[in-house]
């Protein structure tokens, strides 16, 4: 086992709670998860910044496909499935699921199955 240094980190309560839950789900220590996250950030800072820049400040309306229960959102004029997205999306965003309504004036528009 390699030598490690003890470090004290101060995390917001909600982030700490999510870390504890993720560690329990993955059957891994919180320390190990934090170590992996920091190592990833140090190795790929441009990827982390790219993801933050693409999400920060944007609001997306999430729709649930009635056929497969997959979460979908509109991105650049196209419906995109969130099925393959990290689970952070569902955990981080307060999603309001509403029934699908078709406006009376919708001409030629229809739901497209996944």
PDB file of N, CA and C in Angstrom:
ATOM      1  N   UNK A   1       0.855  -1.188   0.000  1.00  0.00           N
ATOM      2  CA  UNK A   1       0.000   0.000   0.000  1.00  0.00           C
ATOM      3  C   UNK A   1       0.890   1.237   0.000  1.00  0.00           C
ATOM      4  N   UNK A   2       0.548   2.176  -0.845  1.00  0.00           N
ATOM      5  CA  UNK A   2       1.346   3.382  -0.931  1.00  0.00           C
ATOM      6  C   UNK A   2       1.041   4.314   0.230  1.00  0.00           C
ATOM      7  N   UNK A   3       1.996   5.162   0.519  1.00  0.00           N
ATOM      8  CA  UNK A   3       1.840   6.123   1.607  1.00  0.00           C
ATOM      9  C   UNK A   3       0.842   7.201   1.194  1.00  0.00           C
ATOM     10  N   UNK A   4      -0.015   7.584   2.122  1.00  0.00           N
ATOM     11  CA  UNK A   4      -1.005   8.619   1.841  1.00  0.00           C
ATOM     12  C   UNK A   4      -0.967   9.663   2.941  1.00  0.00           C
ATOM     13  N   UNK A   5      -1.357  10.879   2.599  1.00  0.00           N
ATOM     14  CA  UNK A   5      -1.424  11.975   3.557  1.00  0.00           C
ATOM     15  C   UNK A   5      -2.874  12.221   3.926  1.00  0.00           C
ATOM     16  N   UNK A   6      -3.099  12.505   5.174  1.00  0.00           N
ATOM     17  CA  UNK A   6      -4.437  12.853   5.629  1.00  0.00           C
ATOM     18  C   UNK A   6      -4.709  14.311   5.269  1.00  0.00           C
ATOM     19  N   UNK A   7      -5.877  14.555   4.681  1.00  0.00           N
ATOM     20  CA  UNK A   7      -6.279  15.900   4.269  1.00  0.00           C
ATOM     21  C   UNK A   7      -7.693  16.137   4.779  1.00  0.00           C
ATOM     22  N   UNK A   8      -7.935  17.310   5.305  1.00  0.00           N
ATOM     23  CA  UNK A   8      -9.280  17.671   5.739  1.00  0.00           C
ATOM     24  C   UNK A   8      -9.914  18.530   4.664  1.00  0.00           C
ATOM     25  N   UNK A   9     -11.093  18.119   4.203  1.00  0.00           N
ATOM     26  CA  UNK A   9     -11.831  18.873   3.192  1.00  0.00           C
ATOM     27  C   UNK A   9     -13.139  19.349   3.792  1.00  0.00           C
ATOM     28  N   UNK A  10     -13.548  20.533   3.429  1.00  0.00           N
ATOM     29  CA  UNK A  10     -14.832  21.057   3.856  1.00  0.00           C
ATOM     30  C   UNK A  10     -15.770  21.040   2.654  1.00  0.00           C
ATOM     31  N   UNK A  11     -16.847  20.279   2.766  1.00  0.00           N
ATOM     32  CA  UNK A  11     -17.804  20.137   1.684  1.00  0.00           C
ATOM     33  C   UNK A  11     -19.166  20.652   2.128  1.00  0.00           C
ATOM     34  N   UNK A  12     -19.938  21.188   1.183  1.00  0.00           N
ATOM     35  CA  UNK A  12     -21.309  21.564   1.519  1.00  0.00           C
ATOM     36  C   UNK A  12     -22.074  20.301   1.948  1.00  0.00           C
ATOM     37  N   UNK A  13     -23.008  20.426   2.871  1.00  0.00           N
ATOM     38  CA  UNK A  13     -23.738  19.257   3.381  1.00  0.00           C
ATOM     39  C   UNK A  13     -24.370  18.393   2.285  1.00  0.00           C
ATOM     40  N   UNK A  14     -24.948  19.018   1.281  1.00  0.00           N
ATOM     41  CA  UNK A  14     -25.609  18.255   0.209  1.00  0.00           C
ATOM     42  C   UNK A  14     -24.600  17.453  -0.606  1.00  0.00           C
ATOM     43  N   UNK A  15     -23.442  18.031  -0.895  1.00  0.00           N
ATOM     44  CA  UNK A  15     -22.398  17.311  -1.625  1.00  0.00           C
ATOM     45  C   UNK A  15     -21.870  16.155  -0.783  1.00  0.00           C
ATOM     46  N   UNK A  16     -21.696  16.376   0.505  1.00  0.00           N
ATOM     47  CA  UNK A  16     -21.239  15.319   1.413  1.00  0.00           C
ATOM     48  C   UNK A  16     -22.246  14.172   1.443  1.00  0.00           C
ATOM     49  N   UNK A  17     -23.527  14.499   1.490  1.00  0.00           N
ATOM     50  CA  UNK A  17     -24.578  13.478   1.486  1.00  0.00           C
ATOM     51  C   UNK A  17     -24.538  12.651   0.200  1.00  0.00           C
ATOM     52  N   UNK A  18     -24.388  13.331  -0.934  1.00  0.00           N
ATOM     53  CA  UNK A  18     -24.326  12.629  -2.225  1.00  0.00           C
ATOM     54  C   UNK A  18     -23.086  11.739  -2.311  1.00  0.00           C
ATOM     55  N   UNK A  19     -21.979  12.215  -1.770  1.00  0.00           N
ATOM     56  CA  UNK A  19     -20.755  11.419  -1.753  1.00  0.00           C
ATOM     57  C   UNK A  19     -20.948  10.155  -0.914  1.00  0.00           C
ATOM     58  N   UNK A  20     -21.572  10.296   0.251  1.00  0.00           N
ATOM     59  CA  UNK A  20     -21.840   9.143   1.120  1.00  0.00           C
ATOM     60  C   UNK A  20     -22.736   8.126   0.421  1.00  0.00           C
ATOM     61  N   UNK A  21     -23.763   8.616  -0.246  1.00  0.00           N
ATOM     62  CA  UNK A  21     -24.685   7.725  -0.957  1.00  0.00           C
ATOM     63  C   UNK A  21     -23.968   7.001  -2.086  1.00  0.00           C
ATOM     64  N   UNK A  22     -23.188   7.746  -2.862  1.00  0.00           N
ATOM     65  CA  UNK A  22     -22.465   7.142  -3.984  1.00  0.00           C
ATOM     66  C   UNK A  22     -21.474   6.089  -3.483  1.00  0.00           C
ATOM     67  N   UNK A  23     -20.787   6.386  -2.391  1.00  0.00           N
ATOM     68  CA  UNK A  23     -19.831   5.431  -1.812  1.00  0.00           C
ATOM     69  C   UNK A  23     -20.548   4.157  -1.370  1.00  0.00           C
ATOM     70  N   UNK A  24     -21.718   4.306  -0.769  1.00  0.00           N
ATOM     71  CA  UNK A  24     -22.480   3.134  -0.330  1.00  0.00           C
ATOM     72  C   UNK A  24     -22.955   2.321  -1.521  1.00  0.00           C
ATOM     73  N   UNK A  25     -23.438   2.987  -2.559  1.00  0.00           N
ATOM     74  CA  UNK A  25     -23.914   2.290  -3.757  1.00  0.00           C
ATOM     75  C   UNK A  25     -22.769   1.548  -4.441  1.00  0.00           C
ATOM     76  N   UNK A  26     -21.628   2.208  -4.561  1.00  0.00           N
ATOM     77  CA  UNK A  26     -20.466   1.615  -5.243  1.00  0.00           C
ATOM     78  C   UNK A  26     -19.663   0.675  -4.345  1.00  0.00           C
ATOM     79  N   UNK A  27     -20.065   0.569  -3.077  1.00  0.00           N
ATOM     80  CA  UNK A  27     -19.333  -0.227  -2.081  1.00  0.00           C
ATOM     81  C   UNK A  27     -17.852   0.149  -2.123  1.00  0.00           C
ATOM     82  N   UNK A  28     -17.631   1.432  -1.950  1.00  0.00           N
ATOM     83  CA  UNK A  28     -16.285   1.998  -2.015  1.00  0.00           C
ATOM     84  C   UNK A  28     -16.195   3.090  -0.952  1.00  0.00           C
ATOM     85  N   UNK A  29     -15.008   3.365  -0.476  1.00  0.00           N
ATOM     86  CA  UNK A  29     -14.870   4.401   0.549  1.00  0.00           C
ATOM     87  C   UNK A  29     -15.020   5.786  -0.076  1.00  0.00           C
ATOM     88  N   UNK A  30     -15.492   6.735   0.742  1.00  0.00           N
ATOM     89  CA  UNK A  30     -15.599   8.113   0.272  1.00  0.00           C
ATOM     90  C   UNK A  30     -14.220   8.630  -0.112  1.00  0.00           C
ATOM     91  N   UNK A  31     -13.233   8.267   0.651  1.00  0.00           N
ATOM     92  CA  UNK A  31     -11.866   8.695   0.392  1.00  0.00           C
ATOM     93  C   UNK A  31     -11.403   8.245  -0.999  1.00  0.00           C
ATOM     94  N   UNK A  32     -11.730   7.013  -1.347  1.00  0.00           N
ATOM     95  CA  UNK A  32     -11.350   6.471  -2.646  1.00  0.00           C
ATOM     96  C   UNK A  32     -12.044   7.214  -3.785  1.00  0.00           C
ATOM     97  N   UNK A  33     -13.331   7.513  -3.596  1.00  0.00           N
ATOM     98  CA  UNK A  33     -14.065   8.248  -4.630  1.00  0.00           C
ATOM     99  C   UNK A  33     -13.506   9.651  -4.814  1.00  0.00           C
ATOM    100  N   UNK A  34     -13.212  10.327  -3.710  1.00  0.00           N
ATOM    101  CA  UNK A  34     -12.653  11.678  -3.795  1.00  0.00           C
ATOM    102  C   UNK A  34     -11.278  11.630  -4.464  1.00  0.00           C
ATOM    103  N   UNK A  35     -10.485  10.632  -4.124  1.00  0.00           N
ATOM    104  CA  UNK A  35      -9.163  10.475  -4.736  1.00  0.00           C
ATOM    105  C   UNK A  35      -9.294  10.309  -6.249  1.00  0.00           C
ATOM    106  N   UNK A  36     -10.239   9.475  -6.703  1.00  0.00           N
ATOM    107  CA  UNK A  36     -10.458   9.280  -8.146  1.00  0.00           C
ATOM    108  C   UNK A  36     -10.911  10.572  -8.813  1.00  0.00           C
ATOM    109  N   UNK A  37     -11.819  11.297  -8.148  1.00  0.00           N
ATOM    110  CA  UNK A  37     -12.332  12.546  -8.722  1.00  0.00           C
ATOM    111  C   UNK A  37     -11.219  13.582  -8.876  1.00  0.00           C
ATOM    112  N   UNK A  38     -10.390  13.710  -7.865  1.00  0.00           N
ATOM    113  CA  UNK A  38      -9.288  14.677  -7.924  1.00  0.00           C
ATOM    114  C   UNK A  38      -8.271  14.265  -8.984  1.00  0.00           C
ATOM    115  N   UNK A  39      -7.957  12.979  -9.036  1.00  0.00           N
ATOM    116  CA  UNK A  39      -7.006  12.485 -10.043  1.00  0.00           C
ATOM    117  C   UNK A  39      -7.537  12.749 -11.451  1.00  0.00           C
ATOM    118  N   UNK A  40      -8.841  12.508 -11.666  1.00  0.00           N
ATOM    119  CA  UNK A  40      -9.440  12.774 -12.974  1.00  0.00           C
ATOM    120  C   UNK A  40      -9.356  14.258 -13.312  1.00  0.00           C
ATOM    121  N   UNK A  41      -9.706  15.097 -12.356  1.00  0.00           N
ATOM    122  CA  UNK A  41      -9.670  16.546 -12.586  1.00  0.00           C
ATOM    123  C   UNK A  41      -8.259  17.016 -12.929  1.00  0.00           C
ATOM    124  N   UNK A  42      -7.266  16.503 -12.212  1.00  0.00           N
ATOM    125  CA  UNK A  42      -5.887  16.916 -12.470  1.00  0.00           C
ATOM    126  C   UNK A  42      -5.373  16.412 -13.812  1.00  0.00           C
ATOM    127  N   UNK A  43      -5.866  15.247 -14.242  1.00  0.00           N
ATOM    128  CA  UNK A  43      -5.419  14.689 -15.515  1.00  0.00           C
ATOM    129  C   UNK A  43      -6.175  15.289 -16.707  1.00  0.00           C
ATOM    130  N   UNK A  44      -7.456  15.603 -16.516  1.00  0.00           N
ATOM    131  CA  UNK A  44      -8.288  16.100 -17.615  1.00  0.00           C
ATOM    132  C   UNK A  44      -9.033  17.381 -17.239  1.00  0.00           C
ATOM    133  N   UNK A  45      -8.333  18.446 -16.852  1.00  0.00           N
ATOM    134  CA  UNK A  45      -9.040  19.672 -16.432  1.00  0.00           C
ATOM    135  C   UNK A  45      -9.879  20.284 -17.553  1.00  0.00           C
ATOM    136  N   UNK A  46      -9.438  20.136 -18.791  1.00  0.00           N
ATOM    137  CA  UNK A  46     -10.192  20.713 -19.907  1.00  0.00           C
ATOM    138  C   UNK A  46     -11.532  20.008 -20.092  1.00  0.00           C
ATOM    139  N   UNK A  47     -11.609  18.716 -19.812  1.00  0.00           N
ATOM    140  CA  UNK A  47     -12.876  17.980 -19.909  1.00  0.00           C
ATOM    141  C   UNK A  47     -13.859  18.460 -18.849  1.00  0.00           C
ATOM    142  N   UNK A  48     -13.356  18.655 -17.635  1.00  0.00           N
ATOM    143  CA  UNK A  48     -14.210  19.125 -16.546  1.00  0.00           C
ATOM    144  C   UNK A  48     -14.734  20.520 -16.872  1.00  0.00           C
ATOM    145  N   UNK A  49     -13.861  21.402 -17.348  1.00  0.00           N
ATOM    146  CA  UNK A  49     -14.267  22.758 -17.709  1.00  0.00           C
ATOM    147  C   UNK A  49     -15.253  22.750 -18.875  1.00  0.00           C
ATOM    148  N   UNK A  50     -15.045  21.840 -19.827  1.00  0.00           N
ATOM    149  CA  UNK A  50     -15.941  21.720 -20.979  1.00  0.00           C
ATOM    150  C   UNK A  50     -17.350  21.325 -20.533  1.00  0.00           C
ATOM    151  N   UNK A  51     -17.431  20.367 -19.636  1.00  0.00           N
ATOM    152  CA  UNK A  51     -18.736  19.928 -19.127  1.00  0.00           C
ATOM    153  C   UNK A  51     -19.393  21.044 -18.325  1.00  0.00           C
ATOM    154  N   UNK A  52     -18.628  21.697 -17.464  1.00  0.00           N
ATOM    155  CA  UNK A  52     -19.174  22.803 -16.671  1.00  0.00           C
ATOM    156  C   UNK A  52     -19.682  23.925 -17.569  1.00  0.00           C
ATOM    157  N   UNK A  53     -18.922  24.251 -18.610  1.00  0.00           N
ATOM    158  CA  UNK A  53     -19.308  25.331 -19.518  1.00  0.00           C
ATOM    159  C   UNK A  53     -20.550  24.966 -20.315  1.00  0.00           C
ATOM    160  N   UNK A  54     -20.697  23.691 -20.659  1.00  0.00           N
ATOM    161  CA  UNK A  54     -21.845  23.284 -21.468  1.00  0.00           C
ATOM    162  C   UNK A  54     -23.128  23.221 -20.656  1.00  0.00           C
ATOM    163  N   UNK A  55     -23.029  23.099 -19.344  1.00  0.00           N
ATOM    164  CA  UNK A  55     -24.206  22.951 -18.496  1.00  0.00           C
ATOM    165  C   UNK A  55     -24.502  24.213 -17.698  1.00  0.00           C
ATOM    166  N   UNK A  56     -23.488  24.916 -17.284  1.00  0.00           N
ATOM    167  CA  UNK A  56     -23.661  26.061 -16.392  1.00  0.00           C
ATOM    168  C   UNK A  56     -24.584  27.116 -16.993  1.00  0.00           C
ATOM    169  N   UNK A  57     -25.554  27.512 -16.211  1.00  0.00           N
ATOM    170  CA  UNK A  57     -26.435  28.589 -16.605  1.00  0.00           C
ATOM    171  C   UNK A  57     -27.535  28.217 -17.578  1.00  0.00           C
ATOM    172  N   UNK A  58     -27.644  26.946 -17.936  1.00  0.00           N
ATOM    173  CA  UNK A  58     -28.668  26.526 -18.878  1.00  0.00           C
ATOM    174  C   UNK A  58     -29.778  25.791 -18.144  1.00  0.00           C
ATOM    175  N   UNK A  59     -30.962  26.004 -18.609  1.00  0.00           N
ATOM    176  CA  UNK A  59     -32.119  25.301 -18.070  1.00  0.00           C
ATOM    177  C   UNK A  59     -32.711  24.467 -19.192  1.00  0.00           C
ATOM    178  N   UNK A  60     -32.954  23.209 -18.906  1.00  0.00           N
ATOM    179  CA  UNK A  60     -33.527  22.315 -19.908  1.00  0.00           C
ATOM    180  C   UNK A  60     -34.826  21.744 -19.373  1.00  0.00           C
ATOM    181  N   UNK A  61     -35.807  21.688 -20.226  1.00  0.00           N
ATOM    182  CA  UNK A  61     -37.051  21.045 -19.858  1.00  0.00           C
ATOM    183  C   UNK A  61     -36.888  19.564 -20.183  1.00  0.00           C
ATOM    184  N   UNK A  62     -37.120  18.710 -19.205  1.00  0.00           N
ATOM    185  CA  UNK A  62     -36.948  17.273 -19.387  1.00  0.00           C
ATOM    186  C   UNK A  62     -38.321  16.651 -19.584  1.00  0.00           C
ATOM    187  N   UNK A  63     -38.434  15.835 -20.619  1.00  0.00           N
ATOM    188  CA  UNK A  63     -39.683  15.142 -20.938  1.00  0.00           C
ATOM    189  C   UNK A  63     -39.456  13.646 -20.726  1.00  0.00           C
ATOM    190  N   UNK A  64     -40.489  12.939 -20.320  1.00  0.00           N
ATOM    191  CA  UNK A  64     -40.401  11.495 -20.153  1.00  0.00           C
ATOM    192  C   UNK A  64     -41.139  10.839 -21.313  1.00  0.00           C
ATOM    193  N   UNK A  65     -40.431   9.975 -22.050  1.00  0.00           N
ATOM    194  CA  UNK A  65     -41.018   9.274 -23.181  1.00  0.00           C
ATOM    195  C   UNK A  65     -42.104   8.337 -22.654  1.00  0.00           C
ATOM    196  N   UNK A  66     -43.333   8.438 -23.182  1.00  0.00           N
ATOM    197  CA  UNK A  66     -44.423   7.593 -22.680  1.00  0.00           C
ATOM    198  C   UNK A  66     -44.244   6.114 -23.010  1.00  0.00           C
ATOM    199  N   UNK A  67     -43.421   5.793 -24.018  1.00  0.00           N
ATOM    200  CA  UNK A  67     -43.253   4.397 -24.420  1.00  0.00           C
ATOM    201  C   UNK A  67     -42.168   3.664 -23.635  1.00  0.00           C
ATOM    202  N   UNK A  68     -41.075   4.356 -23.338  1.00  0.00           N
ATOM    203  CA  UNK A  68     -39.945   3.642 -22.699  1.00  0.00           C
ATOM    204  C   UNK A  68     -39.512   4.260 -21.375  1.00  0.00           C
ATOM    205  N   UNK A  69     -40.194   5.292 -20.896  1.00  0.00           N
ATOM    206  CA  UNK A  69     -39.864   5.978 -19.648  1.00  0.00           C
ATOM    207  C   UNK A  69     -38.468   6.588 -19.637  1.00  0.00           C
ATOM    208  N   UNK A  70     -37.894   6.845 -20.812  1.00  0.00           N
ATOM    209  CA  UNK A  70     -36.569   7.474 -20.888  1.00  0.00           C
ATOM    210  C   UNK A  70     -36.732   8.990 -20.778  1.00  0.00           C
ATOM    211  N   UNK A  71     -35.787   9.633 -20.094  1.00  0.00           N
ATOM    212  CA  UNK A  71     -35.781  11.090 -20.004  1.00  0.00           C
ATOM    213  C   UNK A  71     -35.248  11.653 -21.310  1.00  0.00           C
ATOM    214  N   UNK A  72     -35.912  12.684 -21.821  1.00  0.00           N
ATOM    215  CA  UNK A  72     -35.526  13.309 -23.083  1.00  0.00           C
ATOM    216  C   UNK A  72     -35.485  14.817 -22.874  1.00  0.00           C
ATOM    217  N   UNK A  73     -34.658  15.498 -23.657  1.00  0.00           N
ATOM    218  CA  UNK A  73     -34.623  16.957 -23.629  1.00  0.00           C
ATOM    219  C   UNK A  73     -34.385  17.467 -25.046  1.00  0.00           C
ATOM    220  N   UNK A  74     -34.694  18.719 -25.271  1.00  0.00           N
ATOM    221  CA  UNK A  74     -34.489  19.329 -26.572  1.00  0.00           C
ATOM    222  C   UNK A  74     -33.125  19.990 -26.578  1.00  0.00           C
ATOM    223  N   UNK A  75     -32.271  19.592 -27.522  1.00  0.00           N
ATOM    224  CA  UNK A  75     -30.932  20.166 -27.627  1.00  0.00           C
ATOM    225  C   UNK A  75     -30.682  20.525 -29.094  1.00  0.00           C
ATOM    226  N   UNK A  76     -30.466  21.788 -29.360  1.00  0.00           N
ATOM    227  CA  UNK A  76     -30.226  22.290 -30.719  1.00  0.00           C
ATOM    228  C   UNK A  76     -31.332  21.881 -31.687  1.00  0.00           C
ATOM    229  N   UNK A  77     -32.579  21.934 -31.215  1.00  0.00           N
ATOM    230  CA  UNK A  77     -33.715  21.637 -32.066  1.00  0.00           C
ATOM    231  C   UNK A  77     -34.012  20.161 -32.262  1.00  0.00           C
ATOM    232  N   UNK A  78     -33.293  19.291 -31.567  1.00  0.00           N
ATOM    233  CA  UNK A  78     -33.472  17.849 -31.703  1.00  0.00           C
ATOM    234  C   UNK A  78     -33.742  17.232 -30.342  1.00  0.00           C
ATOM    235  N   UNK A  79     -34.674  16.282 -30.289  1.00  0.00           N
ATOM    236  CA  UNK A  79     -34.926  15.565 -29.041  1.00  0.00           C
ATOM    237  C   UNK A  79     -33.764  14.608 -28.801  1.00  0.00           C
ATOM    238  N   UNK A  80     -33.178  14.693 -27.611  1.00  0.00           N
ATOM    239  CA  UNK A  80     -32.025  13.881 -27.250  1.00  0.00           C
ATOM    240  C   UNK A  80     -32.363  13.069 -26.011  1.00  0.00           C
ATOM    241  N   UNK A  81     -32.032  11.785 -26.046  1.00  0.00           N
ATOM    242  CA  UNK A  81     -32.277  10.919 -24.900  1.00  0.00           C
ATOM    243  C   UNK A  81     -31.219  11.172 -23.831  1.00  0.00           C
ATOM    244  N   UNK A  82     -31.659  11.207 -22.580  1.00  0.00           N
ATOM    245  CA  UNK A  82     -30.740  11.359 -21.459  1.00  0.00           C
ATOM    246  C   UNK A  82     -30.433   9.999 -20.838  1.00  0.00           C
ATOM    247  N   UNK A  83     -30.854   8.946 -21.507  1.00  0.00           N
ATOM    248  CA  UNK A  83     -30.702   7.586 -21.002  1.00  0.00           C
ATOM    249  C   UNK A  83     -29.244   7.255 -20.697  1.00  0.00           C
ATOM    250  N   UNK A  84     -28.316   7.698 -21.530  1.00  0.00           N
ATOM    251  CA  UNK A  84     -26.896   7.374 -21.364  1.00  0.00           C
ATOM    252  C   UNK A  84     -26.130   8.423 -20.568  1.00  0.00           C
ATOM    253  N   UNK A  85     -26.819   9.459 -20.090  1.00  0.00           N
ATOM    254  CA  UNK A  85     -26.162  10.514 -19.330  1.00  0.00           C
ATOM    255  C   UNK A  85     -25.843  10.029 -17.925  1.00  0.00           C
ATOM    256  N   UNK A  86     -24.828  10.616 -17.291  1.00  0.00           N
ATOM    257  CA  UNK A  86     -24.525  10.239 -15.907  1.00  0.00           C
ATOM    258  C   UNK A  86     -25.729  10.446 -14.999  1.00  0.00           C
ATOM    259  N   UNK A  87     -25.812   9.647 -13.976  1.00  0.00           N
ATOM    260  CA  UNK A  87     -26.964   9.713 -13.083  1.00  0.00           C
ATOM    261  C   UNK A  87     -27.032  11.018 -12.307  1.00  0.00           C
ATOM    262  N   UNK A  88     -25.993  11.810 -12.397  1.00  0.00           N
ATOM    263  CA  UNK A  88     -25.981  13.091 -11.692  1.00  0.00           C
ATOM    264  C   UNK A  88     -27.130  13.962 -12.153  1.00  0.00           C
ATOM    265  N   UNK A  89     -27.517  13.832 -13.394  1.00  0.00           N
ATOM    266  CA  UNK A  89     -28.605  14.656 -13.908  1.00  0.00           C
ATOM    267  C   UNK A  89     -29.860  14.440 -13.093  1.00  0.00           C
ATOM    268  N   UNK A  90     -30.243  13.184 -12.893  1.00  0.00           N
ATOM    269  CA  UNK A  90     -31.459  12.890 -12.147  1.00  0.00           C
ATOM    270  C   UNK A  90     -31.310  13.269 -10.680  1.00  0.00           C
ATOM    271  N   UNK A  91     -30.107  13.143 -10.147  1.00  0.00           N
ATOM    272  CA  UNK A  91     -29.907  13.445  -8.740  1.00  0.00           C
ATOM    273  C   UNK A  91     -29.812  14.937  -8.478  1.00  0.00           C
ATOM    274  N   UNK A  92     -29.245  15.676  -9.421  1.00  0.00           N
ATOM    275  CA  UNK A  92     -28.972  17.090  -9.189  1.00  0.00           C
ATOM    276  C   UNK A  92     -30.166  18.001  -9.495  1.00  0.00           C
ATOM    277  N   UNK A  93     -30.921  17.653 -10.532  1.00  0.00           N
ATOM    278  CA  UNK A  93     -31.959  18.554 -10.980  1.00  0.00           C
ATOM    279  C   UNK A  93     -33.313  18.192 -10.388  1.00  0.00           C
ATOM    280  N   UNK A  94     -34.021  19.166  -9.869  1.00  0.00           N
ATOM    281  CA  UNK A  94     -35.379  18.882  -9.422  1.00  0.00           C
ATOM    282  C   UNK A  94     -36.274  18.790 -10.653  1.00  0.00           C
ATOM    283  N   UNK A  95     -36.657  17.606 -11.037  1.00  0.00           N
ATOM    284  CA  UNK A  95     -37.436  17.405 -12.249  1.00  0.00           C
ATOM    285  C   UNK A  95     -38.925  17.423 -11.922  1.00  0.00           C
ATOM    286  N   UNK A  96     -39.648  18.151 -12.710  1.00  0.00           N
ATOM    287  CA  UNK A  96     -41.095  18.172 -12.575  1.00  0.00           C
ATOM    288  C   UNK A  96     -41.658  17.411 -13.767  1.00  0.00           C
ATOM    289  N   UNK A  97     -42.249  16.270 -13.507  1.00  0.00           N
ATOM    290  CA  UNK A  97     -42.791  15.447 -14.578  1.00  0.00           C
ATOM    291  C   UNK A  97     -44.254  15.811 -14.757  1.00  0.00           C
ATOM    292  N   UNK A  98     -44.587  16.203 -15.969  1.00  0.00           N
ATOM    293  CA  UNK A  98     -45.963  16.576 -16.281  1.00  0.00           C
ATOM    294  C   UNK A  98     -46.464  15.704 -17.419  1.00  0.00           C
ATOM    295  N   UNK A  99     -47.743  15.549 -17.504  1.00  0.00           N
ATOM    296  CA  UNK A  99     -48.337  14.787 -18.604  1.00  0.00           C
ATOM    297  C   UNK A  99     -48.087  15.477 -19.927  1.00  0.00           C
ATOM    298  N   UNK A 100     -48.034  14.712 -20.986  1.00  0.00           N
ATOM    299  CA  UNK A 100     -47.792  15.261 -22.313  1.00  0.00           C
ATOM    300  C   UNK A 100     -49.115  15.755 -22.874  1.00  0.00           C
ATOM    301  N   UNK A 101     -49.138  17.010 -23.275  1.00  0.00           N
ATOM    302  CA  UNK A 101     -50.332  17.589 -23.863  1.00  0.00           C
ATOM    303  C   UNK A 101     -50.012  18.027 -25.281  1.00  0.00           C
ATOM    304  N   UNK A 102     -50.924  17.793 -26.174  1.00  0.00           N
ATOM    305  CA  UNK A 102     -50.757  18.240 -27.545  1.00  0.00           C
ATOM    306  C   UNK A 102     -51.602  19.486 -27.732  1.00  0.00           C
ATOM    307  N   UNK A 103     -50.957  20.609 -28.080  1.00  0.00           N
ATOM    308  CA  UNK A 103     -51.732  21.832 -28.287  1.00  0.00           C
ATOM    309  C   UNK A 103     -52.697  21.666 -29.461  1.00  0.00           C
ATOM    310  N   UNK A 104     -53.838  22.312 -29.362  1.00  0.00           N
ATOM    311  CA  UNK A 104     -54.844  22.236 -30.425  1.00  0.00           C
ATOM    312  C   UNK A 104     -54.315  22.822 -31.729  1.00  0.00           C
ATOM    313  N   UNK A 105     -53.405  23.777 -31.620  1.00  0.00           N
ATOM    314  CA  UNK A 105     -52.901  24.436 -32.831  1.00  0.00           C
ATOM    315  C   UNK A 105     -51.621  23.790 -33.362  1.00  0.00           C
ATOM    316  N   UNK A 106     -51.221  22.622 -32.821  1.00  0.00           N
ATOM    317  CA  UNK A 106     -50.010  21.948 -33.291  1.00  0.00           C
ATOM    318  C   UNK A 106     -50.290  21.334 -34.653  1.00  0.00           C
ATOM    319  N   UNK A 107     -49.703  21.911 -35.672  1.00  0.00           N
ATOM    320  CA  UNK A 107     -49.955  21.449 -37.032  1.00  0.00           C
ATOM    321  C   UNK A 107     -48.850  20.507 -37.476  1.00  0.00           C
ATOM    322  N   UNK A 108     -49.173  19.231 -37.620  1.00  0.00           N
ATOM    323  CA  UNK A 108     -48.219  18.239 -38.118  1.00  0.00           C
ATOM    324  C   UNK A 108     -47.165  17.832 -37.102  1.00  0.00           C
ATOM    325  N   UNK A 109     -47.285  18.274 -35.851  1.00  0.00           N
ATOM    326  CA  UNK A 109     -46.307  17.885 -34.845  1.00  0.00           C
ATOM    327  C   UNK A 109     -46.792  16.654 -34.120  1.00  0.00           C
ATOM    328  N   UNK A 110     -45.862  15.752 -33.823  1.00  0.00           N
ATOM    329  CA  UNK A 110     -46.214  14.569 -33.074  1.00  0.00           C
ATOM    330  C   UNK A 110     -45.026  14.112 -32.242  1.00  0.00           C
ATOM    331  N   UNK A 111     -45.296  13.316 -31.220  1.00  0.00           N
ATOM    332  CA  UNK A 111     -44.213  12.762 -30.410  1.00  0.00           C
ATOM    333  C   UNK A 111     -43.486  11.701 -31.213  1.00  0.00           C
ATOM    334  N   UNK A 112     -42.171  11.706 -31.125  1.00  0.00           N
ATOM    335  CA  UNK A 112     -41.373  10.721 -31.826  1.00  0.00           C
ATOM    336  C   UNK A 112     -40.865   9.721 -30.820  1.00  0.00           C
ATOM    337  N   UNK A 113     -41.133   8.416 -31.026  1.00  0.00           N
ATOM    338  CA  UNK A 113     -40.658   7.414 -30.066  1.00  0.00           C
ATOM    339  C   UNK A 113     -39.136   7.344 -30.048  1.00  0.00           C
ATOM    340  N   UNK A 114     -38.590   6.906 -28.931  1.00  0.00           N
ATOM    341  CA  UNK A 114     -37.130   6.799 -28.762  1.00  0.00           C
ATOM    342  C   UNK A 114     -36.542   5.771 -29.705  1.00  0.00           C
TER     343      UNK A 114
END
